[in-house]
Amino acid sequence: MAVKATDLRKGTVIIGDHGKLLLITEYHHHTPGNLRAVIHLKVRDVMTGVVTPMRLSSSDSFEVAYLDKRKCEYLYKEQNGNYVFMDQTTYEQIPLSPDLVADKMGFVRENTAVDVTFHETTPLGIELPPSVTLKVIEAEHAVKGNTATNVKKEAVVETGMTVKVPLHVVAGDEIKISTADGEFQGRANG
């Protein structure tokens, strides 16, 4: 379905030249005085991650890509680096390359369900909840007297990701972590 450039919004995925899927990351509609409106976009190629600026007139139109989300369970990481997910309705196993999901996999433990985004039959990536609860497996001990300050230490969670946490967090604690920025949000057990 074709959509005029004035109806596009941030977060929309459009089909560009040669069938490329482009995610709109920035959208500015500019009308300078009595001149014609100009729309400035920044788009990110979904497959390669390359960000490019675009300048459009209000009469330009694009095809909006239909994206499908499926609940899939993360199974394991293959030796070649791919992450294998299983569709929870069809039980089909779907390998996703590290360039699509590697930056998000620190928040996903094995046997956890996440939403995998597809365009037709091509998997594009995963969507995470706003926060996740993970168990701390390694953390330095706090030194007596340092617990009253706002000092943070590094802790390793069960997925292997390193997170900055307050000094009172110890190995074995379950903590909430923001998936947007990887920041500690609080203890989950207690």
N, C-alpha and C. Protein backbone atom coordinates (compact mmCIF):
# COMPACT_ATOMS: atom_id res chain seq x y z
N MET A 1 0.84 -1.17 0.00
CA MET A 1 0.00 0.00 0.00
C MET A 1 0.89 1.24 0.00
N ALA A 2 0.66 2.13 -0.93
CA ALA A 2 1.47 3.34 -1.06
C ALA A 2 0.99 4.40 -0.07
N VAL A 3 1.95 5.05 0.57
CA VAL A 3 1.66 6.09 1.57
C VAL A 3 2.43 7.33 1.17
N LYS A 4 1.77 8.50 1.26
CA LYS A 4 2.43 9.76 0.95
C LYS A 4 3.49 10.05 2.00
N ALA A 5 4.51 10.80 1.60
CA ALA A 5 5.61 11.13 2.49
C ALA A 5 5.14 11.89 3.73
N THR A 6 4.07 12.66 3.63
CA THR A 6 3.56 13.41 4.78
C THR A 6 2.91 12.49 5.82
N ASP A 7 2.53 11.28 5.43
CA ASP A 7 1.90 10.34 6.35
C ASP A 7 2.89 9.38 7.00
N LEU A 8 4.15 9.45 6.60
CA LEU A 8 5.18 8.59 7.21
C LEU A 8 5.48 9.08 8.62
N ARG A 9 5.91 8.18 9.49
CA ARG A 9 6.27 8.54 10.86
C ARG A 9 7.51 7.78 11.29
N LYS A 10 8.14 8.25 12.34
CA LYS A 10 9.30 7.58 12.92
C LYS A 10 8.89 6.17 13.35
N GLY A 11 9.72 5.18 13.03
CA GLY A 11 9.43 3.80 13.39
C GLY A 11 8.77 3.00 12.27
N THR A 12 8.32 3.67 11.21
CA THR A 12 7.71 3.00 10.08
C THR A 12 8.79 2.36 9.21
N VAL A 13 8.53 1.19 8.67
CA VAL A 13 9.47 0.54 7.77
C VAL A 13 8.91 0.67 6.35
N ILE A 14 9.71 1.26 5.47
CA ILE A 14 9.29 1.44 4.08
C ILE A 14 10.16 0.59 3.16
N ILE A 15 9.66 0.37 1.96
CA ILE A 15 10.42 -0.38 0.96
C ILE A 15 11.07 0.64 0.03
N GLY A 16 12.40 0.64 0.02
CA GLY A 16 13.16 1.59 -0.80
C GLY A 16 13.54 1.00 -2.14
N ASP A 17 14.58 1.58 -2.75
CA ASP A 17 15.09 1.10 -4.03
C ASP A 17 15.55 -0.35 -3.93
N HIS A 18 15.30 -1.11 -4.97
CA HIS A 18 15.72 -2.51 -5.07
C HIS A 18 15.17 -3.38 -3.94
N GLY A 19 14.02 -3.00 -3.36
CA GLY A 19 13.38 -3.80 -2.33
C GLY A 19 14.01 -3.71 -0.96
N LYS A 20 14.88 -2.73 -0.74
CA LYS A 20 15.52 -2.58 0.57
C LYS A 20 14.48 -2.16 1.61
N LEU A 21 14.58 -2.74 2.80
CA LEU A 21 13.72 -2.35 3.90
C LEU A 21 14.41 -1.25 4.69
N LEU A 22 13.74 -0.10 4.83
CA LEU A 22 14.33 1.06 5.48
C LEU A 22 13.48 1.48 6.67
N LEU A 23 14.09 1.52 7.85
CA LEU A 23 13.41 1.94 9.07
C LEU A 23 13.63 3.44 9.25
N ILE A 24 12.54 4.19 9.40
CA ILE A 24 12.64 5.64 9.59
C ILE A 24 13.04 5.90 11.05
N THR A 25 14.22 6.50 11.24
CA THR A 25 14.71 6.79 12.60
C THR A 25 14.51 8.26 12.97
N GLU A 26 14.42 9.14 11.97
CA GLU A 26 14.14 10.55 12.23
C GLU A 26 13.21 11.07 11.15
N TYR A 27 12.27 11.96 11.53
CA TYR A 27 11.30 12.52 10.60
C TYR A 27 11.10 13.99 10.94
N HIS A 28 11.34 14.88 9.97
CA HIS A 28 11.12 16.32 10.17
C HIS A 28 10.38 16.86 8.95
N HIS A 29 9.20 17.45 9.17
CA HIS A 29 8.42 18.09 8.11
C HIS A 29 8.68 19.59 8.22
N HIS A 30 9.28 20.16 7.18
CA HIS A 30 9.71 21.56 7.20
C HIS A 30 8.98 22.34 6.12
N THR A 31 8.27 23.40 6.52
CA THR A 31 7.60 24.27 5.55
C THR A 31 8.16 25.69 5.69
N PRO A 32 9.13 26.05 4.86
CA PRO A 32 9.77 27.37 4.97
C PRO A 32 8.94 28.47 4.30
N GLY A 33 8.19 29.23 5.10
CA GLY A 33 7.42 30.37 4.59
C GLY A 33 6.43 29.96 3.51
N ASN A 34 6.50 30.64 2.36
CA ASN A 34 5.58 30.33 1.28
C ASN A 34 6.19 29.38 0.24
N LEU A 35 7.24 28.67 0.62
CA LEU A 35 7.84 27.69 -0.28
C LEU A 35 7.18 26.33 -0.06
N ARG A 36 7.52 25.39 -0.91
CA ARG A 36 6.95 24.04 -0.80
C ARG A 36 7.53 23.30 0.40
N ALA A 37 6.73 22.41 0.95
CA ALA A 37 7.15 21.63 2.12
C ALA A 37 8.25 20.64 1.72
N VAL A 38 9.18 20.44 2.64
CA VAL A 38 10.27 19.49 2.45
C VAL A 38 10.27 18.55 3.66
N ILE A 39 10.46 17.28 3.41
CA ILE A 39 10.50 16.31 4.49
C ILE A 39 11.91 15.72 4.55
N HIS A 40 12.53 15.84 5.73
CA HIS A 40 13.86 15.29 5.95
C HIS A 40 13.72 14.02 6.78
N LEU A 41 14.29 12.93 6.27
CA LEU A 41 14.25 11.64 6.96
C LEU A 41 15.66 11.14 7.18
N LYS A 42 15.83 10.35 8.21
CA LYS A 42 17.01 9.51 8.35
C LYS A 42 16.47 8.09 8.40
N VAL A 43 17.00 7.25 7.52
CA VAL A 43 16.54 5.87 7.45
C VAL A 43 17.71 4.92 7.67
N ARG A 44 17.41 3.79 8.31
CA ARG A 44 18.42 2.76 8.55
C ARG A 44 18.03 1.52 7.78
N ASP A 45 18.94 1.04 6.94
CA ASP A 45 18.72 -0.20 6.21
C ASP A 45 18.62 -1.33 7.24
N VAL A 46 17.51 -2.04 7.25
CA VAL A 46 17.25 -3.07 8.26
C VAL A 46 18.27 -4.21 8.17
N MET A 47 18.70 -4.57 6.99
CA MET A 47 19.61 -5.69 6.83
C MET A 47 21.07 -5.32 7.09
N THR A 48 21.52 -4.14 6.63
CA THR A 48 22.93 -3.77 6.77
C THR A 48 23.21 -2.83 7.93
N GLY A 49 22.19 -2.09 8.39
CA GLY A 49 22.37 -1.15 9.48
C GLY A 49 22.90 0.21 9.06
N VAL A 50 23.09 0.43 7.76
CA VAL A 50 23.62 1.70 7.26
C VAL A 50 22.54 2.78 7.36
N VAL A 51 22.90 3.93 7.96
CA VAL A 51 21.97 5.05 8.12
C VAL A 51 22.25 6.07 7.03
N THR A 52 21.20 6.51 6.33
CA THR A 52 21.35 7.52 5.28
C THR A 52 20.26 8.57 5.41
N PRO A 53 20.58 9.82 5.09
CA PRO A 53 19.55 10.86 5.10
C PRO A 53 18.77 10.85 3.77
N MET A 54 17.52 11.27 3.83
CA MET A 54 16.69 11.39 2.62
C MET A 54 15.97 12.74 2.67
N ARG A 55 15.79 13.34 1.50
CA ARG A 55 15.03 14.58 1.39
C ARG A 55 13.91 14.33 0.40
N LEU A 56 12.68 14.55 0.84
CA LEU A 56 11.50 14.24 0.02
C LEU A 56 10.61 15.46 -0.13
N SER A 57 9.81 15.44 -1.18
CA SER A 57 8.75 16.44 -1.30
C SER A 57 7.47 15.82 -0.74
N SER A 58 6.49 16.65 -0.45
CA SER A 58 5.25 16.15 0.15
C SER A 58 4.45 15.28 -0.82
N SER A 59 4.77 15.32 -2.11
CA SER A 59 4.03 14.51 -3.08
C SER A 59 4.64 13.12 -3.29
N ASP A 60 5.86 12.88 -2.76
CA ASP A 60 6.48 11.56 -2.90
C ASP A 60 5.67 10.52 -2.12
N SER A 61 5.72 9.27 -2.61
CA SER A 61 5.02 8.21 -1.88
C SER A 61 5.90 6.96 -1.83
N PHE A 62 5.67 6.15 -0.82
CA PHE A 62 6.45 4.94 -0.59
C PHE A 62 5.52 3.79 -0.26
N GLU A 63 6.03 2.60 -0.48
CA GLU A 63 5.34 1.38 -0.09
C GLU A 63 5.75 1.06 1.35
N VAL A 64 4.77 0.86 2.23
CA VAL A 64 5.05 0.52 3.62
C VAL A 64 5.17 -0.99 3.73
N ALA A 65 6.21 -1.45 4.40
CA ALA A 65 6.44 -2.89 4.54
C ALA A 65 5.54 -3.45 5.63
N TYR A 66 4.96 -4.61 5.36
CA TYR A 66 4.16 -5.29 6.37
C TYR A 66 5.09 -6.19 7.17
N LEU A 67 5.17 -5.93 8.48
CA LEU A 67 6.03 -6.72 9.34
C LEU A 67 5.17 -7.60 10.24
N ASP A 68 5.61 -8.82 10.41
CA ASP A 68 4.90 -9.80 11.21
C ASP A 68 5.75 -10.12 12.45
N LYS A 69 5.11 -10.21 13.61
CA LYS A 69 5.83 -10.58 14.83
C LYS A 69 5.36 -11.96 15.26
N ARG A 70 6.32 -12.82 15.57
CA ARG A 70 6.00 -14.16 16.05
C ARG A 70 6.73 -14.42 17.36
N LYS A 71 6.03 -15.09 18.29
CA LYS A 71 6.66 -15.50 19.55
C LYS A 71 7.59 -16.66 19.25
N CYS A 72 8.86 -16.48 19.59
CA CYS A 72 9.86 -17.52 19.37
C CYS A 72 10.68 -17.70 20.64
N GLU A 73 11.13 -18.92 20.85
CA GLU A 73 11.94 -19.25 22.02
C GLU A 73 13.39 -19.35 21.61
N TYR A 74 14.28 -18.68 22.38
CA TYR A 74 15.71 -18.76 22.10
C TYR A 74 16.21 -20.11 22.57
N LEU A 75 16.85 -20.87 21.67
CA LEU A 75 17.33 -22.20 22.00
C LEU A 75 18.82 -22.23 22.34
N TYR A 76 19.67 -21.83 21.38
CA TYR A 76 21.12 -21.93 21.60
C TYR A 76 21.85 -21.11 20.55
N LYS A 77 23.18 -21.00 20.76
CA LYS A 77 24.05 -20.32 19.80
C LYS A 77 24.85 -21.38 19.07
N GLU A 78 24.83 -21.32 17.73
CA GLU A 78 25.57 -22.29 16.92
C GLU A 78 27.06 -21.95 16.92
N GLN A 79 27.89 -22.92 16.48
CA GLN A 79 29.33 -22.70 16.40
C GLN A 79 29.69 -21.61 15.39
N ASN A 80 28.88 -21.43 14.35
CA ASN A 80 29.15 -20.40 13.35
C ASN A 80 28.73 -19.01 13.81
N GLY A 81 28.15 -18.91 15.04
CA GLY A 81 27.78 -17.61 15.59
C GLY A 81 26.31 -17.29 15.50
N ASN A 82 25.55 -18.04 14.70
CA ASN A 82 24.11 -17.78 14.57
C ASN A 82 23.38 -18.14 15.86
N TYR A 83 22.31 -17.39 16.13
CA TYR A 83 21.45 -17.67 17.28
C TYR A 83 20.20 -18.38 16.76
N VAL A 84 19.85 -19.50 17.36
CA VAL A 84 18.73 -20.31 16.87
C VAL A 84 17.51 -20.08 17.76
N PHE A 85 16.40 -19.72 17.11
CA PHE A 85 15.12 -19.52 17.77
C PHE A 85 14.13 -20.53 17.22
N MET A 86 13.11 -20.88 18.02
CA MET A 86 12.07 -21.81 17.57
C MET A 86 10.72 -21.10 17.62
N ASP A 87 10.02 -21.09 16.49
CA ASP A 87 8.68 -20.53 16.42
C ASP A 87 7.78 -21.37 17.33
N GLN A 88 7.07 -20.73 18.26
CA GLN A 88 6.28 -21.46 19.24
C GLN A 88 4.97 -22.02 18.69
N THR A 89 4.58 -21.63 17.48
CA THR A 89 3.36 -22.21 16.91
C THR A 89 3.66 -23.29 15.88
N THR A 90 4.71 -23.10 15.07
CA THR A 90 5.03 -24.08 14.03
C THR A 90 6.19 -25.00 14.41
N TYR A 91 6.92 -24.67 15.48
CA TYR A 91 8.10 -25.40 15.95
C TYR A 91 9.24 -25.41 14.93
N GLU A 92 9.19 -24.47 13.99
CA GLU A 92 10.26 -24.32 13.01
C GLU A 92 11.44 -23.62 13.67
N GLN A 93 12.66 -24.09 13.39
CA GLN A 93 13.85 -23.46 13.95
C GLN A 93 14.38 -22.40 12.98
N ILE A 94 14.65 -21.22 13.53
CA ILE A 94 15.04 -20.06 12.72
C ILE A 94 16.40 -19.56 13.18
N PRO A 95 17.44 -19.66 12.34
CA PRO A 95 18.74 -19.09 12.73
C PRO A 95 18.79 -17.60 12.39
N LEU A 96 19.27 -16.80 13.33
CA LEU A 96 19.45 -15.36 13.10
C LEU A 96 20.93 -15.04 13.21
N SER A 97 21.43 -14.28 12.25
CA SER A 97 22.86 -13.97 12.22
C SER A 97 23.20 -12.95 13.31
N PRO A 98 24.45 -12.96 13.78
CA PRO A 98 24.86 -12.04 14.85
C PRO A 98 24.70 -10.57 14.48
N ASP A 99 24.85 -10.21 13.21
CA ASP A 99 24.71 -8.80 12.84
C ASP A 99 23.28 -8.30 13.01
N LEU A 100 22.29 -9.20 13.07
CA LEU A 100 20.90 -8.80 13.28
C LEU A 100 20.55 -8.68 14.76
N VAL A 101 21.13 -9.53 15.61
CA VAL A 101 20.67 -9.59 17.00
C VAL A 101 21.76 -9.56 18.06
N ALA A 102 23.03 -9.57 17.71
CA ALA A 102 24.11 -9.73 18.69
C ALA A 102 24.06 -8.67 19.80
N ASP A 103 23.70 -7.43 19.47
CA ASP A 103 23.68 -6.38 20.49
C ASP A 103 22.56 -6.57 21.51
N LYS A 104 21.55 -7.39 21.20
CA LYS A 104 20.43 -7.61 22.11
C LYS A 104 20.51 -8.93 22.86
N MET A 105 21.40 -9.83 22.46
CA MET A 105 21.42 -11.17 23.03
C MET A 105 21.93 -11.21 24.47
N GLY A 106 22.58 -10.17 24.93
CA GLY A 106 23.00 -10.11 26.33
C GLY A 106 21.83 -10.04 27.29
N PHE A 107 20.64 -9.70 26.77
CA PHE A 107 19.44 -9.61 27.60
C PHE A 107 18.58 -10.88 27.54
N VAL A 108 18.95 -11.83 26.68
CA VAL A 108 18.11 -13.01 26.45
C VAL A 108 18.82 -14.26 26.95
N ARG A 109 18.21 -14.97 27.87
CA ARG A 109 18.78 -16.24 28.33
C ARG A 109 18.12 -17.38 27.55
N GLU A 110 18.76 -18.53 27.55
CA GLU A 110 18.22 -19.69 26.82
C GLU A 110 16.84 -20.05 27.33
N ASN A 111 15.99 -20.56 26.43
CA ASN A 111 14.63 -20.98 26.71
C ASN A 111 13.70 -19.83 27.10
N THR A 112 14.03 -18.61 26.66
CA THR A 112 13.20 -17.44 26.91
C THR A 112 12.47 -17.07 25.62
N ALA A 113 11.20 -16.72 25.73
CA ALA A 113 10.41 -16.32 24.56
C ALA A 113 10.57 -14.82 24.29
N VAL A 114 10.80 -14.47 23.02
CA VAL A 114 10.87 -13.08 22.58
C VAL A 114 10.08 -12.96 21.28
N ASP A 115 9.81 -11.73 20.86
CA ASP A 115 9.15 -11.49 19.58
C ASP A 115 10.21 -11.38 18.49
N VAL A 116 10.08 -12.20 17.45
CA VAL A 116 10.96 -12.10 16.29
C VAL A 116 10.17 -11.42 15.18
N THR A 117 10.75 -10.39 14.58
CA THR A 117 10.09 -9.63 13.52
C THR A 117 10.46 -10.21 12.16
N PHE A 118 9.44 -10.42 11.31
CA PHE A 118 9.63 -10.98 9.97
C PHE A 118 9.05 -10.03 8.93
N HIS A 119 9.68 -10.00 7.76
CA HIS A 119 9.09 -9.41 6.57
C HIS A 119 8.92 -10.55 5.59
N GLU A 120 7.68 -10.90 5.33
CA GLU A 120 7.33 -12.10 4.56
C GLU A 120 7.94 -13.31 5.27
N THR A 121 8.96 -13.96 4.72
CA THR A 121 9.56 -15.10 5.42
C THR A 121 10.96 -14.80 5.94
N THR A 122 11.42 -13.57 5.79
CA THR A 122 12.77 -13.19 6.20
C THR A 122 12.77 -12.63 7.62
N PRO A 123 13.52 -13.27 8.55
CA PRO A 123 13.61 -12.70 9.90
C PRO A 123 14.50 -11.46 9.90
N LEU A 124 14.05 -10.42 10.60
CA LEU A 124 14.77 -9.15 10.61
C LEU A 124 15.44 -8.84 11.94
N GLY A 125 14.96 -9.41 13.02
CA GLY A 125 15.53 -9.11 14.33
C GLY A 125 14.57 -9.50 15.43
N ILE A 126 14.93 -9.11 16.66
CA ILE A 126 14.09 -9.43 17.81
C ILE A 126 13.68 -8.16 18.53
N GLU A 127 12.55 -8.23 19.23
CA GLU A 127 12.08 -7.13 20.06
C GLU A 127 12.08 -7.59 21.50
N LEU A 128 12.65 -6.77 22.36
CA LEU A 128 12.77 -7.11 23.77
C LEU A 128 11.74 -6.35 24.59
N PRO A 129 11.38 -6.90 25.76
CA PRO A 129 10.53 -6.13 26.68
C PRO A 129 11.32 -4.95 27.23
N PRO A 130 10.66 -3.98 27.89
CA PRO A 130 11.38 -2.81 28.42
C PRO A 130 12.47 -3.17 29.43
N SER A 131 12.25 -4.24 30.20
CA SER A 131 13.28 -4.66 31.16
C SER A 131 13.25 -6.17 31.29
N VAL A 132 14.38 -6.73 31.73
CA VAL A 132 14.50 -8.17 31.94
C VAL A 132 15.07 -8.43 33.33
N THR A 133 14.78 -9.62 33.86
CA THR A 133 15.33 -10.03 35.14
C THR A 133 16.36 -11.11 34.89
N LEU A 134 17.60 -10.87 35.34
CA LEU A 134 18.68 -11.82 35.16
C LEU A 134 19.41 -12.04 36.48
N LYS A 135 20.00 -13.21 36.63
CA LYS A 135 20.70 -13.57 37.86
C LYS A 135 22.17 -13.16 37.76
N VAL A 136 22.68 -12.57 38.84
CA VAL A 136 24.09 -12.18 38.92
C VAL A 136 24.89 -13.44 39.24
N ILE A 137 25.90 -13.75 38.42
CA ILE A 137 26.72 -14.93 38.69
C ILE A 137 28.09 -14.57 39.22
N GLU A 138 28.49 -13.31 39.04
CA GLU A 138 29.81 -12.89 39.51
C GLU A 138 29.77 -11.41 39.86
N ALA A 139 30.20 -11.07 41.08
CA ALA A 139 30.25 -9.67 41.50
C ALA A 139 31.32 -9.53 42.58
N GLU A 140 32.01 -8.42 42.55
CA GLU A 140 33.02 -8.15 43.57
C GLU A 140 32.33 -7.91 44.91
N HIS A 141 33.05 -8.16 46.01
CA HIS A 141 32.49 -7.89 47.33
C HIS A 141 32.68 -6.42 47.66
N ALA A 142 31.71 -5.86 48.40
CA ALA A 142 31.79 -4.46 48.81
C ALA A 142 32.77 -4.32 49.96
N VAL A 143 33.52 -3.22 49.96
CA VAL A 143 34.46 -2.93 51.04
C VAL A 143 33.70 -2.15 52.10
N LYS A 144 33.90 -2.49 53.36
CA LYS A 144 33.20 -1.83 54.45
C LYS A 144 33.47 -0.32 54.41
N GLY A 145 32.40 0.46 54.48
CA GLY A 145 32.53 1.91 54.44
C GLY A 145 32.19 2.51 53.09
N ASN A 146 32.22 1.71 52.01
CA ASN A 146 31.90 2.22 50.68
C ASN A 146 30.43 2.08 50.32
N THR A 147 29.64 1.45 51.17
CA THR A 147 28.25 1.16 50.81
C THR A 147 27.34 2.37 50.89
N ALA A 148 27.75 3.44 51.54
CA ALA A 148 26.88 4.61 51.67
C ALA A 148 27.00 5.57 50.49
N THR A 149 27.96 5.35 49.62
CA THR A 149 28.15 6.26 48.48
C THR A 149 27.42 5.75 47.25
N ASN A 150 27.46 6.51 46.21
CA ASN A 150 26.79 6.14 44.96
C ASN A 150 27.75 5.43 44.01
N VAL A 151 28.75 4.75 44.56
CA VAL A 151 29.75 4.05 43.76
C VAL A 151 29.14 2.79 43.18
N LYS A 152 29.54 2.45 41.96
CA LYS A 152 29.04 1.24 41.31
C LYS A 152 30.20 0.32 40.98
N LYS A 153 29.88 -0.96 40.89
CA LYS A 153 30.87 -1.98 40.53
C LYS A 153 30.31 -2.78 39.36
N GLU A 154 31.18 -3.55 38.73
CA GLU A 154 30.74 -4.39 37.61
C GLU A 154 30.30 -5.75 38.12
N ALA A 155 29.23 -6.26 37.51
CA ALA A 155 28.74 -7.59 37.83
C ALA A 155 28.44 -8.31 36.52
N VAL A 156 28.66 -9.61 36.50
CA VAL A 156 28.39 -10.41 35.31
C VAL A 156 27.09 -11.18 35.56
N VAL A 157 26.16 -11.09 34.62
CA VAL A 157 24.88 -11.81 34.74
C VAL A 157 24.95 -13.12 33.97
N GLU A 158 23.92 -13.94 34.09
CA GLU A 158 23.92 -15.30 33.54
C GLU A 158 24.08 -15.38 32.03
N THR A 159 23.82 -14.31 31.31
CA THR A 159 23.99 -14.33 29.86
C THR A 159 25.41 -13.96 29.45
N GLY A 160 26.23 -13.56 30.42
CA GLY A 160 27.61 -13.16 30.13
C GLY A 160 27.79 -11.66 30.00
N MET A 161 26.71 -10.91 30.05
CA MET A 161 26.77 -9.45 29.93
C MET A 161 27.26 -8.83 31.25
N THR A 162 28.02 -7.75 31.13
CA THR A 162 28.52 -7.03 32.30
C THR A 162 27.65 -5.80 32.53
N VAL A 163 27.24 -5.61 33.80
CA VAL A 163 26.34 -4.51 34.16
C VAL A 163 26.93 -3.77 35.36
N LYS A 164 26.80 -2.45 35.36
CA LYS A 164 27.21 -1.63 36.52
C LYS A 164 26.08 -1.69 37.54
N VAL A 165 26.42 -2.12 38.77
CA VAL A 165 25.42 -2.28 39.83
C VAL A 165 25.91 -1.59 41.10
N PRO A 166 24.99 -1.28 42.04
CA PRO A 166 25.42 -0.73 43.34
C PRO A 166 26.23 -1.76 44.12
N LEU A 167 26.98 -1.30 45.10
CA LEU A 167 27.87 -2.17 45.85
C LEU A 167 27.16 -3.26 46.65
N HIS A 168 25.87 -3.06 46.99
CA HIS A 168 25.17 -4.04 47.80
C HIS A 168 24.73 -5.29 47.03
N VAL A 169 24.83 -5.29 45.71
CA VAL A 169 24.44 -6.45 44.90
C VAL A 169 25.54 -7.50 44.98
N VAL A 170 25.13 -8.75 45.24
CA VAL A 170 26.09 -9.86 45.35
C VAL A 170 25.70 -10.97 44.38
N ALA A 171 26.63 -11.91 44.17
CA ALA A 171 26.35 -13.06 43.31
C ALA A 171 25.16 -13.82 43.87
N GLY A 172 24.25 -14.23 42.99
CA GLY A 172 23.04 -14.94 43.39
C GLY A 172 21.81 -14.05 43.37
N ASP A 173 21.99 -12.73 43.42
CA ASP A 173 20.84 -11.80 43.36
C ASP A 173 20.26 -11.81 41.96
N GLU A 174 18.94 -11.61 41.88
CA GLU A 174 18.30 -11.40 40.59
C GLU A 174 18.04 -9.91 40.48
N ILE A 175 18.43 -9.32 39.34
CA ILE A 175 18.30 -7.87 39.15
C ILE A 175 17.51 -7.57 37.89
N LYS A 176 16.84 -6.40 37.91
CA LYS A 176 16.14 -5.91 36.72
C LYS A 176 17.08 -5.00 35.96
N ILE A 177 17.12 -5.20 34.63
CA ILE A 177 18.00 -4.42 33.77
C ILE A 177 17.18 -3.83 32.64
N SER A 178 17.37 -2.55 32.37
CA SER A 178 16.69 -1.88 31.25
C SER A 178 17.28 -2.37 29.93
N THR A 179 16.42 -2.78 28.99
CA THR A 179 16.91 -3.25 27.70
C THR A 179 17.24 -2.08 26.77
N ALA A 180 16.79 -0.88 27.10
CA ALA A 180 17.08 0.28 26.27
C ALA A 180 18.53 0.72 26.39
N ASP A 181 19.06 0.71 27.64
CA ASP A 181 20.41 1.22 27.85
C ASP A 181 21.30 0.30 28.67
N GLY A 182 20.79 -0.83 29.13
CA GLY A 182 21.59 -1.77 29.90
C GLY A 182 21.86 -1.34 31.32
N GLU A 183 21.08 -0.40 31.83
CA GLU A 183 21.26 0.13 33.18
C GLU A 183 20.54 -0.73 34.22
N PHE A 184 21.14 -0.83 35.40
CA PHE A 184 20.56 -1.51 36.56
C PHE A 184 19.32 -0.75 37.01
N GLN A 185 18.20 -1.47 37.23
CA GLN A 185 16.97 -0.81 37.67
C GLN A 185 16.58 -1.18 39.11
N GLY A 186 17.14 -2.27 39.63
CA GLY A 186 16.82 -2.65 40.99
C GLY A 186 16.89 -4.15 41.17
N ARG A 187 16.77 -4.57 42.41
CA ARG A 187 16.73 -6.00 42.71
C ARG A 187 15.36 -6.54 42.36
N ALA A 188 15.32 -7.79 41.92
CA ALA A 188 14.04 -8.40 41.58
C ALA A 188 13.59 -9.36 42.67
N ASN A 189 14.49 -9.80 43.53
CA ASN A 189 14.13 -10.76 44.57
C ASN A 189 14.15 -10.08 45.93
N GLY A 190 13.01 -9.71 46.41
CA GLY A 190 13.05 -9.11 47.74
C GLY A 190 12.01 -8.13 47.91
